[in-house]
Amino acid sequence: MTDERVFGGVGSKLVFSNDRVLVWELTLAPGAESLVHRHDHDHLLIQIAGDRIAVVPEPDTQSRFKDYLEADVRPGEVAFVRRGGIETARNVGSELYREIIVELI
């Protein structure tokens, strides 16, 4: 069986790229969600704004997060995440959510 899904970008907008990194901005209004996307690279997530965010993993994700997860947003927090996640991000808060994603190529 082949995978016929079409994946979106890991963020809303690619803001920088070179041969070593891709930098994305993800912006989600309250109640909005990203396209299903796949993380092919290790990356840094830098939370900028918002109050609550959720990750909705696909059944075949390779992330350590296999189940639906909600978390409080902590502006300025940086997390290192290994490649392999296949997921959707969902703003489950009441504020605009923004983050920067730095993919390490």
Protein backbone atom coordinates (compact mmCIF):
# COMPACT_ATOMS: atom_id res chain seq x y z
CA MET A 1 0.00 0.00 0.00
CA THR A 2 1.37 3.40 -0.92
CA ASP A 3 1.00 6.56 1.13
CA GLU A 4 -1.18 8.91 -0.93
CA ARG A 5 -1.36 11.70 1.67
CA VAL A 6 -0.26 15.15 0.65
CA PHE A 7 1.74 16.77 3.43
CA GLY A 8 1.80 20.49 4.14
CA GLY A 9 4.82 22.45 5.28
CA VAL A 10 5.88 22.21 8.90
CA GLY A 11 4.89 25.85 9.34
CA SER A 12 2.64 28.49 7.83
CA LYS A 13 5.48 30.26 6.04
CA LEU A 14 9.10 29.45 5.21
CA VAL A 15 11.04 32.56 6.29
CA PHE A 16 14.66 31.45 5.69
CA SER A 17 16.56 28.58 4.11
CA ASN A 18 20.09 27.63 3.21
CA ASP A 19 22.06 24.39 2.95
CA ARG A 20 22.05 23.91 6.77
CA VAL A 21 18.68 25.10 8.11
CA LEU A 22 15.06 25.79 7.21
CA VAL A 23 13.26 28.37 9.37
CA TRP A 24 9.46 28.35 9.49
CA GLU A 25 6.89 30.50 11.22
CA LEU A 26 3.69 28.77 12.38
CA THR A 27 0.69 30.97 13.13
CA LEU A 28 -2.65 29.52 14.22
CA ALA A 29 -5.77 31.44 15.21
CA PRO A 30 -7.80 30.04 18.12
CA GLY A 31 -9.46 26.81 16.96
CA ALA A 32 -7.32 26.57 13.80
CA GLU A 33 -5.04 23.69 12.91
CA SER A 34 -2.10 23.16 10.61
CA LEU A 35 -2.05 20.85 7.63
CA VAL A 36 -0.88 17.32 8.30
CA HIS A 37 2.90 17.51 8.04
CA ARG A 38 5.94 15.30 8.42
CA HIS A 39 9.12 16.29 10.22
CA ASP A 40 11.95 14.94 8.06
CA HIS A 41 14.64 16.78 10.07
CA ASP A 42 15.55 17.22 13.71
CA HIS A 43 14.33 20.68 14.71
CA LEU A 44 14.00 23.34 17.36
CA LEU A 45 10.55 24.67 18.35
CA ILE A 46 10.56 28.18 19.78
CA GLN A 47 7.24 29.27 21.26
CA ILE A 48 6.50 32.96 20.70
CA ALA A 49 2.87 33.56 21.72
CA GLY A 50 -0.35 31.80 22.67
CA ASP A 51 -1.84 30.05 25.67
CA ARG A 52 -2.56 26.41 24.76
CA ILE A 53 -1.50 24.14 21.88
CA ALA A 54 -2.17 20.51 20.95
CA VAL A 55 -0.37 17.94 18.82
CA VAL A 56 -2.56 15.45 16.96
CA PRO A 57 -0.26 12.60 15.82
CA GLU A 58 -1.00 10.41 12.83
CA PRO A 59 -1.12 6.63 13.49
CA ASP A 60 2.20 6.10 11.66
CA THR A 61 4.14 8.86 13.42
CA GLN A 62 7.68 8.00 14.43
CA SER A 63 7.66 10.64 17.17
CA ARG A 64 7.91 9.64 20.82
CA PHE A 65 4.51 11.36 21.18
CA LYS A 66 2.07 8.74 19.89
CA ASP A 67 -1.07 10.07 21.60
CA TYR A 68 -2.97 13.36 21.44
CA LEU A 69 -1.19 15.90 23.64
CA GLU A 70 -2.21 19.34 24.93
CA ALA A 71 0.19 21.72 26.65
CA ASP A 72 0.37 25.25 27.99
CA VAL A 73 2.36 27.66 25.83
CA ARG A 74 5.45 29.16 27.42
CA PRO A 75 6.65 32.06 25.25
CA GLY A 76 10.42 31.92 24.83
CA GLU A 77 10.64 28.19 25.54
CA VAL A 78 12.84 26.21 23.16
CA ALA A 79 12.49 22.45 22.64
CA PHE A 80 14.68 20.10 20.61
CA VAL A 81 12.58 17.52 18.73
CA ARG A 82 13.88 14.52 16.79
CA ARG A 83 12.71 13.91 13.21
CA GLY A 84 9.96 11.44 12.39
CA GLY A 85 6.79 13.09 13.64
CA ILE A 86 3.73 13.04 11.38
CA GLU A 87 1.10 15.28 12.91
CA THR A 88 -1.23 18.23 12.96
CA ALA A 89 -0.84 21.18 15.34
CA ARG A 90 -4.09 22.58 16.77
CA ASN A 91 -4.57 25.84 18.67
CA VAL A 92 -6.86 24.80 21.52
CA GLY A 93 -6.39 28.10 23.33
CA SER A 94 -8.12 31.46 23.17
CA GLU A 95 -5.11 33.45 21.92
CA LEU A 96 -3.21 33.57 18.61
CA TYR A 97 -0.47 30.91 18.62
CA ARG A 98 2.95 31.62 17.08
CA GLU A 99 6.12 29.59 16.99
CA ILE A 100 9.37 29.43 15.04
CA ILE A 101 10.57 26.05 13.80
CA VAL A 102 14.27 25.68 12.91
CA GLU A 103 14.87 22.48 10.93
CA LEU A 104 18.47 21.23 11.05
CA ILE A 105 19.36 19.82 7.65
